[in-house]
């Protein structure tokens, strides 16, 4: 895993991201995000990083089959979210605890960040999703996510959120 990451980083430093990466990006709403995301997620070979401040059992159930397949293929999965204790609602605290417990039992790295509110995913450090949609809890609200296929921008986000330092 470390050799793969170092190789990708060296290649990234050798070239600049074309501005066309953003021009060729695609916007998704809450209605069409999940089919596209699950397709990309299912193709992961090395790593999936998901930042979602809220987690619900209902949404996790839809993602679990793909996440379980990734774990069988030894793909590293990192989830960064709020500590369930930070939830105001007792029911939502319980929901988050149950969902996160399932993930941890599968071997997913679960990180808790105080004041967390970012919504993004980085897949194999080459695809970046960012926007307003809570990937692990979305339900019934109008949201937007942008998909960008760019090694440079995915690495830039990984460095920005400091994920490699958090999971060592």
N, C-alpha and C. Protein backbone atom coordinates (compact mmCIF):
# COMPACT_ATOMS: atom_id res chain seq x y z
N UNK A 1 0.82 -1.18 0.00
CA UNK A 1 0.00 0.00 0.00
C UNK A 1 0.87 1.25 0.00
N UNK A 2 1.90 1.28 0.83
CA UNK A 2 2.76 2.46 0.90
C UNK A 2 3.50 2.67 -0.42
N UNK A 3 3.96 1.59 -1.04
CA UNK A 3 4.67 1.70 -2.32
C UNK A 3 3.73 2.24 -3.39
N UNK A 4 2.49 1.76 -3.40
CA UNK A 4 1.50 2.26 -4.36
C UNK A 4 1.30 3.76 -4.16
N UNK A 5 1.15 4.18 -2.91
CA UNK A 5 0.92 5.60 -2.60
C UNK A 5 2.11 6.45 -3.03
N UNK A 6 3.33 5.99 -2.73
CA UNK A 6 4.53 6.74 -3.10
C UNK A 6 4.67 6.85 -4.61
N UNK A 7 4.39 5.78 -5.32
CA UNK A 7 4.47 5.79 -6.78
C UNK A 7 3.48 6.79 -7.36
N UNK A 8 2.25 6.77 -6.84
CA UNK A 8 1.23 7.71 -7.31
C UNK A 8 1.66 9.14 -7.03
N UNK A 9 2.22 9.39 -5.86
CA UNK A 9 2.64 10.74 -5.47
C UNK A 9 3.75 11.24 -6.38
N UNK A 10 4.72 10.38 -6.69
CA UNK A 10 5.81 10.79 -7.58
C UNK A 10 5.28 11.14 -8.96
N UNK A 11 4.37 10.34 -9.47
CA UNK A 11 3.77 10.64 -10.77
C UNK A 11 2.99 11.95 -10.72
N UNK A 12 2.31 12.18 -9.63
CA UNK A 12 1.55 13.41 -9.46
C UNK A 12 2.45 14.63 -9.47
N UNK A 13 3.57 14.55 -8.79
CA UNK A 13 4.48 15.68 -8.71
C UNK A 13 5.14 15.99 -10.05
N UNK A 14 5.20 15.01 -10.92
CA UNK A 14 5.84 15.20 -12.22
C UNK A 14 4.94 15.93 -13.22
N UNK A 15 3.65 15.99 -12.93
CA UNK A 15 2.76 16.64 -13.89
C UNK A 15 1.76 17.54 -13.19
N UNK A 16 1.24 18.47 -13.94
CA UNK A 16 0.21 19.37 -13.42
C UNK A 16 -1.14 18.84 -13.87
N UNK A 17 -2.15 19.03 -13.04
CA UNK A 17 -3.49 18.61 -13.43
C UNK A 17 -4.00 19.54 -14.51
N UNK A 18 -4.47 18.99 -15.60
CA UNK A 18 -5.03 19.86 -16.63
C UNK A 18 -6.30 20.53 -16.10
N UNK A 19 -6.51 21.76 -16.50
CA UNK A 19 -7.71 22.46 -16.05
C UNK A 19 -8.96 21.76 -16.57
N UNK A 20 -8.78 20.93 -17.58
CA UNK A 20 -9.92 20.20 -18.11
C UNK A 20 -10.48 19.21 -17.10
N UNK A 21 -9.70 18.85 -16.05
CA UNK A 21 -10.22 17.95 -15.02
C UNK A 21 -11.50 18.52 -14.41
N UNK A 22 -11.48 19.79 -14.10
CA UNK A 22 -12.67 20.42 -13.54
C UNK A 22 -13.74 20.63 -14.59
N UNK A 23 -13.32 20.98 -15.79
CA UNK A 23 -14.29 21.20 -16.86
C UNK A 23 -15.04 19.91 -17.17
N UNK A 24 -14.34 18.77 -17.09
CA UNK A 24 -14.97 17.48 -17.39
C UNK A 24 -15.66 16.87 -16.17
N UNK A 25 -15.71 17.59 -15.07
CA UNK A 25 -16.36 17.04 -13.88
C UNK A 25 -17.86 16.91 -14.13
N UNK A 26 -18.52 16.14 -13.28
CA UNK A 26 -19.96 15.91 -13.46
C UNK A 26 -20.67 16.17 -12.15
N UNK A 27 -21.81 16.84 -12.25
CA UNK A 27 -22.63 17.12 -11.08
C UNK A 27 -23.72 16.07 -10.92
N UNK A 28 -23.98 15.71 -9.67
CA UNK A 28 -25.03 14.76 -9.35
C UNK A 28 -25.94 15.36 -8.28
N UNK A 29 -27.20 15.00 -8.34
CA UNK A 29 -28.15 15.36 -7.29
C UNK A 29 -28.34 14.14 -6.40
N UNK A 30 -29.14 14.29 -5.38
CA UNK A 30 -29.46 13.17 -4.50
C UNK A 30 -30.15 12.04 -5.26
N UNK A 31 -30.74 12.36 -6.42
CA UNK A 31 -31.47 11.34 -7.18
C UNK A 31 -30.56 10.44 -8.02
N UNK A 32 -29.43 10.97 -8.48
CA UNK A 32 -28.58 10.16 -9.35
C UNK A 32 -27.16 9.93 -8.80
N UNK A 33 -26.89 10.43 -7.60
CA UNK A 33 -25.56 10.27 -7.02
C UNK A 33 -25.22 8.82 -6.70
N UNK A 34 -26.07 8.13 -5.98
CA UNK A 34 -25.71 6.81 -5.46
C UNK A 34 -25.41 5.77 -6.54
N UNK A 35 -26.16 5.69 -7.64
CA UNK A 35 -25.76 4.72 -8.68
C UNK A 35 -24.35 4.98 -9.22
N UNK A 36 -24.03 6.24 -9.47
CA UNK A 36 -22.69 6.58 -9.98
C UNK A 36 -21.63 6.30 -8.92
N UNK A 37 -21.89 6.69 -7.68
CA UNK A 37 -20.93 6.49 -6.61
C UNK A 37 -20.68 5.01 -6.36
N UNK A 38 -21.74 4.22 -6.30
CA UNK A 38 -21.58 2.78 -6.05
C UNK A 38 -20.81 2.10 -7.18
N UNK A 39 -21.01 2.56 -8.40
CA UNK A 39 -20.25 2.01 -9.53
C UNK A 39 -18.76 2.30 -9.35
N UNK A 40 -18.41 3.56 -9.03
CA UNK A 40 -17.01 3.92 -8.80
C UNK A 40 -16.45 3.21 -7.57
N UNK A 41 -17.22 3.18 -6.51
CA UNK A 41 -16.78 2.53 -5.27
C UNK A 41 -16.47 1.06 -5.51
N UNK A 42 -17.33 0.40 -6.27
CA UNK A 42 -17.14 -1.02 -6.55
C UNK A 42 -15.88 -1.32 -7.35
N UNK A 43 -15.35 -0.32 -8.06
CA UNK A 43 -14.14 -0.49 -8.85
C UNK A 43 -12.85 -0.20 -8.08
N UNK A 44 -12.98 0.24 -6.84
CA UNK A 44 -11.79 0.58 -6.04
C UNK A 44 -10.86 -0.63 -5.95
N UNK A 45 -9.57 -0.35 -6.07
CA UNK A 45 -8.56 -1.39 -5.98
C UNK A 45 -7.69 -1.27 -4.73
N UNK A 46 -7.55 -0.06 -4.20
CA UNK A 46 -6.60 0.17 -3.10
C UNK A 46 -7.22 0.85 -1.89
N UNK A 47 -8.06 1.88 -2.12
CA UNK A 47 -8.47 2.71 -0.98
C UNK A 47 -9.74 3.47 -1.29
N UNK A 48 -10.60 3.56 -0.28
CA UNK A 48 -11.80 4.39 -0.34
C UNK A 48 -11.86 5.21 0.94
N UNK A 49 -11.88 6.51 0.78
CA UNK A 49 -11.98 7.43 1.92
C UNK A 49 -13.32 8.14 1.80
N UNK A 50 -14.12 8.09 2.86
CA UNK A 50 -15.42 8.75 2.85
C UNK A 50 -15.51 9.63 4.09
N UNK A 51 -15.81 10.89 3.86
CA UNK A 51 -16.06 11.82 4.97
C UNK A 51 -17.53 12.20 4.92
N UNK A 52 -18.23 11.91 5.99
CA UNK A 52 -19.65 12.18 6.10
C UNK A 52 -19.94 12.45 7.57
N UNK A 53 -20.42 13.63 7.91
CA UNK A 53 -20.59 13.95 9.33
C UNK A 53 -21.63 13.09 10.04
N UNK A 54 -22.58 12.56 9.29
CA UNK A 54 -23.64 11.77 9.91
C UNK A 54 -23.69 10.40 9.26
N UNK A 55 -24.08 9.40 10.05
CA UNK A 55 -24.17 8.02 9.58
C UNK A 55 -25.49 7.45 10.09
N UNK A 56 -26.23 6.79 9.19
CA UNK A 56 -27.45 6.11 9.61
C UNK A 56 -27.40 4.66 9.15
N UNK A 57 -28.08 3.82 9.90
CA UNK A 57 -28.18 2.41 9.55
C UNK A 57 -28.85 2.24 8.19
N UNK A 58 -29.89 3.02 7.95
CA UNK A 58 -30.65 2.92 6.71
C UNK A 58 -29.76 3.13 5.49
N UNK A 59 -28.93 4.15 5.52
CA UNK A 59 -28.07 4.43 4.37
C UNK A 59 -26.94 3.41 4.30
N UNK A 60 -26.42 3.01 5.45
CA UNK A 60 -25.32 2.05 5.46
C UNK A 60 -25.74 0.71 4.86
N UNK A 61 -26.97 0.30 5.11
CA UNK A 61 -27.46 -0.97 4.57
C UNK A 61 -27.35 -0.98 3.04
N UNK A 62 -27.59 0.17 2.41
CA UNK A 62 -27.49 0.26 0.95
C UNK A 62 -26.04 0.17 0.47
N UNK A 63 -25.10 0.61 1.31
CA UNK A 63 -23.68 0.62 0.92
C UNK A 63 -22.93 -0.65 1.34
N UNK A 64 -23.44 -1.35 2.33
CA UNK A 64 -22.71 -2.49 2.90
C UNK A 64 -22.29 -3.57 1.89
N UNK A 65 -23.14 -3.98 0.96
CA UNK A 65 -22.69 -5.03 0.04
C UNK A 65 -21.41 -4.65 -0.72
N UNK A 66 -21.32 -3.41 -1.17
CA UNK A 66 -20.12 -2.97 -1.89
C UNK A 66 -18.94 -2.87 -0.93
N UNK A 67 -19.15 -2.31 0.25
CA UNK A 67 -18.06 -2.18 1.22
C UNK A 67 -17.52 -3.55 1.64
N UNK A 68 -18.41 -4.51 1.81
CA UNK A 68 -17.97 -5.86 2.19
C UNK A 68 -17.12 -6.49 1.08
N UNK A 69 -17.51 -6.29 -0.18
CA UNK A 69 -16.71 -6.82 -1.30
C UNK A 69 -15.33 -6.16 -1.34
N UNK A 70 -15.29 -4.86 -1.06
CA UNK A 70 -14.00 -4.17 -1.03
C UNK A 70 -13.10 -4.75 0.06
N UNK A 71 -13.66 -4.98 1.24
CA UNK A 71 -12.85 -5.53 2.33
C UNK A 71 -12.33 -6.92 1.97
N UNK A 72 -13.13 -7.74 1.28
CA UNK A 72 -12.67 -9.06 0.84
C UNK A 72 -11.50 -8.95 -0.12
N UNK A 73 -11.46 -7.85 -0.88
CA UNK A 73 -10.36 -7.61 -1.83
C UNK A 73 -9.21 -6.86 -1.17
N UNK A 74 -9.28 -6.68 0.14
CA UNK A 74 -8.22 -6.01 0.91
C UNK A 74 -8.08 -4.52 0.58
N UNK A 75 -9.16 -3.90 0.16
CA UNK A 75 -9.16 -2.45 -0.08
C UNK A 75 -9.27 -1.75 1.27
N UNK A 76 -8.42 -0.76 1.48
CA UNK A 76 -8.47 0.01 2.73
C UNK A 76 -9.65 0.97 2.65
N UNK A 77 -10.49 0.94 3.68
CA UNK A 77 -11.65 1.84 3.74
C UNK A 77 -11.50 2.70 4.99
N UNK A 78 -11.60 4.00 4.80
CA UNK A 78 -11.50 4.96 5.89
C UNK A 78 -12.77 5.80 5.91
N UNK A 79 -13.42 5.83 7.06
CA UNK A 79 -14.61 6.66 7.25
C UNK A 79 -14.27 7.71 8.30
N UNK A 80 -14.48 8.98 7.96
CA UNK A 80 -14.29 10.06 8.93
C UNK A 80 -15.65 10.69 9.17
N UNK A 81 -16.04 10.76 10.43
CA UNK A 81 -17.37 11.23 10.79
C UNK A 81 -17.32 11.91 12.16
N UNK A 82 -18.46 12.35 12.61
CA UNK A 82 -18.57 12.88 13.98
C UNK A 82 -18.73 11.72 14.95
N UNK A 83 -18.28 11.94 16.15
CA UNK A 83 -18.53 10.97 17.21
C UNK A 83 -20.04 10.91 17.44
N UNK A 84 -20.63 9.71 17.48
CA UNK A 84 -22.07 9.61 17.70
C UNK A 84 -22.55 10.35 18.95
N UNK A 85 -21.69 10.46 19.94
CA UNK A 85 -22.08 11.18 21.17
C UNK A 85 -22.35 12.65 20.92
N UNK A 86 -21.85 13.19 19.80
CA UNK A 86 -22.08 14.59 19.47
C UNK A 86 -23.47 14.84 18.88
N UNK A 87 -24.20 13.77 18.58
CA UNK A 87 -25.55 13.90 18.06
C UNK A 87 -26.48 14.42 19.15
N UNK A 88 -27.33 15.35 18.81
CA UNK A 88 -28.29 15.90 19.78
C UNK A 88 -29.42 14.93 20.08
N UNK A 89 -29.85 14.23 19.08
CA UNK A 89 -31.00 13.33 19.19
C UNK A 89 -30.56 11.94 19.65
N UNK A 90 -31.21 11.42 20.68
CA UNK A 90 -30.84 10.11 21.23
C UNK A 90 -31.02 8.99 20.21
N UNK A 91 -32.09 9.03 19.43
CA UNK A 91 -32.32 8.01 18.41
C UNK A 91 -31.20 8.02 17.38
N UNK A 92 -30.81 9.21 16.92
CA UNK A 92 -29.75 9.32 15.92
C UNK A 92 -28.40 8.88 16.48
N UNK A 93 -28.16 9.14 17.77
CA UNK A 93 -26.93 8.65 18.41
C UNK A 93 -26.87 7.13 18.33
N UNK A 94 -27.97 6.47 18.67
CA UNK A 94 -28.03 5.01 18.62
C UNK A 94 -27.86 4.49 17.20
N UNK A 95 -28.51 5.15 16.24
CA UNK A 95 -28.37 4.78 14.82
C UNK A 95 -26.90 4.82 14.40
N UNK A 96 -26.25 5.93 14.71
CA UNK A 96 -24.85 6.11 14.32
C UNK A 96 -23.97 5.07 15.00
N UNK A 97 -24.17 4.83 16.27
CA UNK A 97 -23.36 3.82 16.98
C UNK A 97 -23.50 2.44 16.35
N UNK A 98 -24.74 2.04 16.04
CA UNK A 98 -24.96 0.72 15.43
C UNK A 98 -24.28 0.63 14.05
N UNK A 99 -24.45 1.67 13.25
CA UNK A 99 -23.87 1.66 11.91
C UNK A 99 -22.34 1.62 11.97
N UNK A 100 -21.76 2.45 12.82
CA UNK A 100 -20.30 2.51 12.92
C UNK A 100 -19.73 1.22 13.51
N UNK A 101 -20.46 0.60 14.40
CA UNK A 101 -20.03 -0.67 14.96
C UNK A 101 -19.94 -1.74 13.85
N UNK A 102 -20.91 -1.75 12.95
CA UNK A 102 -20.86 -2.69 11.82
C UNK A 102 -19.61 -2.45 10.98
N UNK A 103 -19.33 -1.19 10.71
CA UNK A 103 -18.16 -0.85 9.90
C UNK A 103 -16.87 -1.29 10.59
N UNK A 104 -16.74 -0.98 11.87
CA UNK A 104 -15.54 -1.35 12.60
C UNK A 104 -15.38 -2.87 12.66
N UNK A 105 -16.49 -3.58 12.81
CA UNK A 105 -16.44 -5.05 12.84
C UNK A 105 -15.92 -5.60 11.52
N UNK A 106 -16.17 -4.90 10.42
CA UNK A 106 -15.69 -5.32 9.09
C UNK A 106 -14.21 -4.98 8.88
N UNK A 107 -13.64 -4.18 9.77
CA UNK A 107 -12.25 -3.78 9.60
C UNK A 107 -12.07 -2.42 8.95
N UNK A 108 -13.13 -1.64 8.91
CA UNK A 108 -13.06 -0.28 8.36
C UNK A 108 -12.41 0.63 9.40
N UNK A 109 -11.50 1.50 8.95
CA UNK A 109 -10.91 2.51 9.84
C UNK A 109 -11.97 3.60 10.05
N UNK A 110 -12.42 3.78 11.27
CA UNK A 110 -13.41 4.81 11.58
C UNK A 110 -12.72 5.88 12.41
N UNK A 111 -12.74 7.10 11.89
CA UNK A 111 -12.14 8.25 12.57
C UNK A 111 -13.25 9.19 13.02
N UNK A 112 -13.05 9.82 14.16
CA UNK A 112 -14.00 10.81 14.66
C UNK A 112 -13.33 12.17 14.68
N UNK A 113 -13.99 13.14 14.07
CA UNK A 113 -13.47 14.50 14.03
C UNK A 113 -14.49 15.44 14.66
N UNK A 114 -14.06 16.18 15.65
CA UNK A 114 -14.93 17.15 16.33
C UNK A 114 -15.30 18.25 15.35
N UNK A 115 -16.57 18.60 15.32
CA UNK A 115 -17.04 19.68 14.45
C UNK A 115 -17.05 19.32 12.98
N UNK A 116 -16.93 18.05 12.68
CA UNK A 116 -16.85 17.57 11.30
C UNK A 116 -18.11 17.94 10.52
N UNK A 117 -17.93 18.46 9.31
CA UNK A 117 -19.08 18.74 8.45
C UNK A 117 -18.75 18.56 6.96
N UNK A 118 -17.59 18.01 6.64
CA UNK A 118 -17.22 17.81 5.23
C UNK A 118 -17.97 16.62 4.65
N UNK A 119 -18.29 16.73 3.37
CA UNK A 119 -18.95 15.65 2.65
C UNK A 119 -18.13 15.38 1.39
N UNK A 120 -17.37 14.29 1.40
CA UNK A 120 -16.54 13.99 0.25
C UNK A 120 -16.15 12.52 0.25
N UNK A 121 -15.64 12.09 -0.89
CA UNK A 121 -15.08 10.74 -1.02
C UNK A 121 -13.89 10.83 -1.95
N UNK A 122 -12.86 10.07 -1.62
CA UNK A 122 -11.67 9.96 -2.46
C UNK A 122 -11.48 8.47 -2.74
N UNK A 123 -11.55 8.11 -4.02
CA UNK A 123 -11.47 6.70 -4.40
C UNK A 123 -10.17 6.46 -5.16
N UNK A 124 -9.34 5.59 -4.62
CA UNK A 124 -8.05 5.24 -5.21
C UNK A 124 -7.20 6.47 -5.54
N UNK A 125 -7.41 7.53 -4.81
CA UNK A 125 -6.66 8.78 -5.00
C UNK A 125 -6.68 9.24 -6.47
N UNK A 126 -7.78 8.92 -7.14
CA UNK A 126 -7.92 9.35 -8.53
C UNK A 126 -9.30 9.89 -8.86
N UNK A 127 -10.29 9.62 -8.01
CA UNK A 127 -11.64 10.15 -8.19
C UNK A 127 -12.02 10.86 -6.90
N UNK A 128 -12.51 12.08 -7.05
CA UNK A 128 -12.92 12.90 -5.91
C UNK A 128 -14.39 13.27 -6.08
N UNK A 129 -15.17 12.99 -5.04
CA UNK A 129 -16.54 13.48 -4.96
C UNK A 129 -16.56 14.50 -3.85
N UNK A 130 -17.13 15.68 -4.11
CA UNK A 130 -17.28 16.67 -3.04
C UNK A 130 -18.55 17.47 -3.28
N UNK A 131 -19.18 17.87 -2.19
CA UNK A 131 -20.42 18.62 -2.29
C UNK A 131 -21.13 18.69 -0.96
N UNK A 132 -22.46 18.68 -1.01
CA UNK A 132 -23.25 18.87 0.20
C UNK A 132 -23.96 17.60 0.68
N UNK A 133 -23.84 16.51 -0.05
CA UNK A 133 -24.58 15.29 0.28
C UNK A 133 -23.84 14.46 1.32
N UNK A 134 -24.51 14.15 2.42
CA UNK A 134 -23.96 13.28 3.46
C UNK A 134 -24.02 11.83 2.93
N UNK A 135 -22.90 11.33 2.46
CA UNK A 135 -22.87 10.03 1.78
C UNK A 135 -23.41 8.90 2.65
N UNK A 136 -23.15 8.95 3.94
CA UNK A 136 -23.54 7.85 4.83
C UNK A 136 -24.85 8.08 5.56
N UNK A 137 -25.59 9.14 5.19
CA UNK A 137 -26.86 9.36 5.88
C UNK A 137 -27.93 10.05 5.05
N UNK A 138 -27.63 10.44 3.83
CA UNK A 138 -28.57 11.25 3.04
C UNK A 138 -29.95 10.62 2.99
N UNK A 139 -30.98 11.47 3.16
CA UNK A 139 -32.35 10.99 3.13
C UNK A 139 -33.30 12.16 2.94
N UNK A 140 -33.80 12.31 1.74
CA UNK A 140 -34.90 13.24 1.52
C UNK A 140 -34.57 14.71 1.34
N UNK A 141 -33.33 15.09 1.31
CA UNK A 141 -33.00 16.51 1.13
C UNK A 141 -32.40 16.72 -0.26
N UNK A 142 -32.52 17.94 -0.76
CA UNK A 142 -31.94 18.29 -2.06
C UNK A 142 -30.46 18.60 -1.87
N UNK A 143 -29.60 17.87 -2.57
CA UNK A 143 -28.15 17.99 -2.38
C UNK A 143 -27.44 17.99 -3.73
N UNK A 144 -26.15 18.26 -3.68
CA UNK A 144 -25.31 18.24 -4.88
C UNK A 144 -23.97 17.60 -4.54
N UNK A 145 -23.45 16.83 -5.49
CA UNK A 145 -22.10 16.28 -5.39
C UNK A 145 -21.45 16.43 -6.76
N UNK A 146 -20.18 16.80 -6.75
CA UNK A 146 -19.41 16.90 -7.99
C UNK A 146 -18.40 15.76 -8.03
N UNK A 147 -18.35 15.05 -9.16
CA UNK A 147 -17.38 13.97 -9.38
C UNK A 147 -16.27 14.52 -10.27
N UNK A 148 -15.04 14.43 -9.77
CA UNK A 148 -13.89 14.90 -10.52
C UNK A 148 -12.91 13.74 -10.64
N UNK A 149 -12.57 13.40 -11.86
CA UNK A 149 -11.57 12.36 -12.09
C UNK A 149 -10.23 13.06 -12.30
N UNK A 150 -9.43 13.10 -11.24
CA UNK A 150 -8.15 13.81 -11.28
C UNK A 150 -7.25 13.31 -10.16
N UNK A 151 -6.13 12.72 -10.53
CA UNK A 151 -5.17 12.25 -9.53
C UNK A 151 -4.68 13.44 -8.71
N UNK A 152 -4.36 14.54 -9.36
CA UNK A 152 -3.81 15.68 -8.64
C UNK A 152 -4.83 16.25 -7.64
N UNK A 153 -6.06 16.43 -8.06
CA UNK A 153 -7.06 17.00 -7.16
C UNK A 153 -7.44 16.04 -6.04
N UNK A 154 -7.45 14.74 -6.33
CA UNK A 154 -7.73 13.75 -5.28
C UNK A 154 -6.62 13.76 -4.23
N UNK A 155 -5.36 13.80 -4.69
CA UNK A 155 -4.23 13.86 -3.75
C UNK A 155 -4.24 15.17 -2.97
N UNK A 156 -4.57 16.25 -3.64
CA UNK A 156 -4.63 17.55 -2.96
C UNK A 156 -5.64 17.49 -1.82
N UNK A 157 -6.81 16.89 -2.07
CA UNK A 157 -7.82 16.78 -1.02
C UNK A 157 -7.35 15.86 0.10
N UNK A 158 -6.71 14.75 -0.25
CA UNK A 158 -6.20 13.82 0.77
C UNK A 158 -5.20 14.53 1.68
N UNK A 159 -4.33 15.35 1.09
CA UNK A 159 -3.38 16.12 1.90
C UNK A 159 -4.12 17.17 2.74
N UNK A 160 -5.10 17.82 2.14
CA UNK A 160 -5.85 18.87 2.83
C UNK A 160 -6.56 18.33 4.08
N UNK A 161 -7.16 17.16 3.96
CA UNK A 161 -7.87 16.58 5.11
C UNK A 161 -6.93 15.81 6.03
N UNK A 162 -5.65 15.70 5.62
CA UNK A 162 -4.62 15.11 6.46
C UNK A 162 -4.88 13.64 6.79
N UNK A 163 -5.47 12.91 5.86
CA UNK A 163 -5.89 11.55 6.14
C UNK A 163 -4.72 10.61 6.45
N UNK A 164 -3.61 10.79 5.79
CA UNK A 164 -2.50 9.85 6.01
C UNK A 164 -1.91 9.98 7.41
N UNK A 165 -1.92 11.15 7.97
CA UNK A 165 -1.45 11.33 9.33
C UNK A 165 -2.44 10.73 10.33
N UNK A 166 -3.73 10.83 10.02
CA UNK A 166 -4.76 10.36 10.95
C UNK A 166 -4.83 8.84 11.07
N UNK A 167 -4.44 8.12 10.03
CA UNK A 167 -4.63 6.66 10.08
C UNK A 167 -3.34 5.87 10.20
N UNK A 168 -2.26 6.49 10.55
CA UNK A 168 -1.00 5.75 10.72
C UNK A 168 -1.04 4.91 11.95
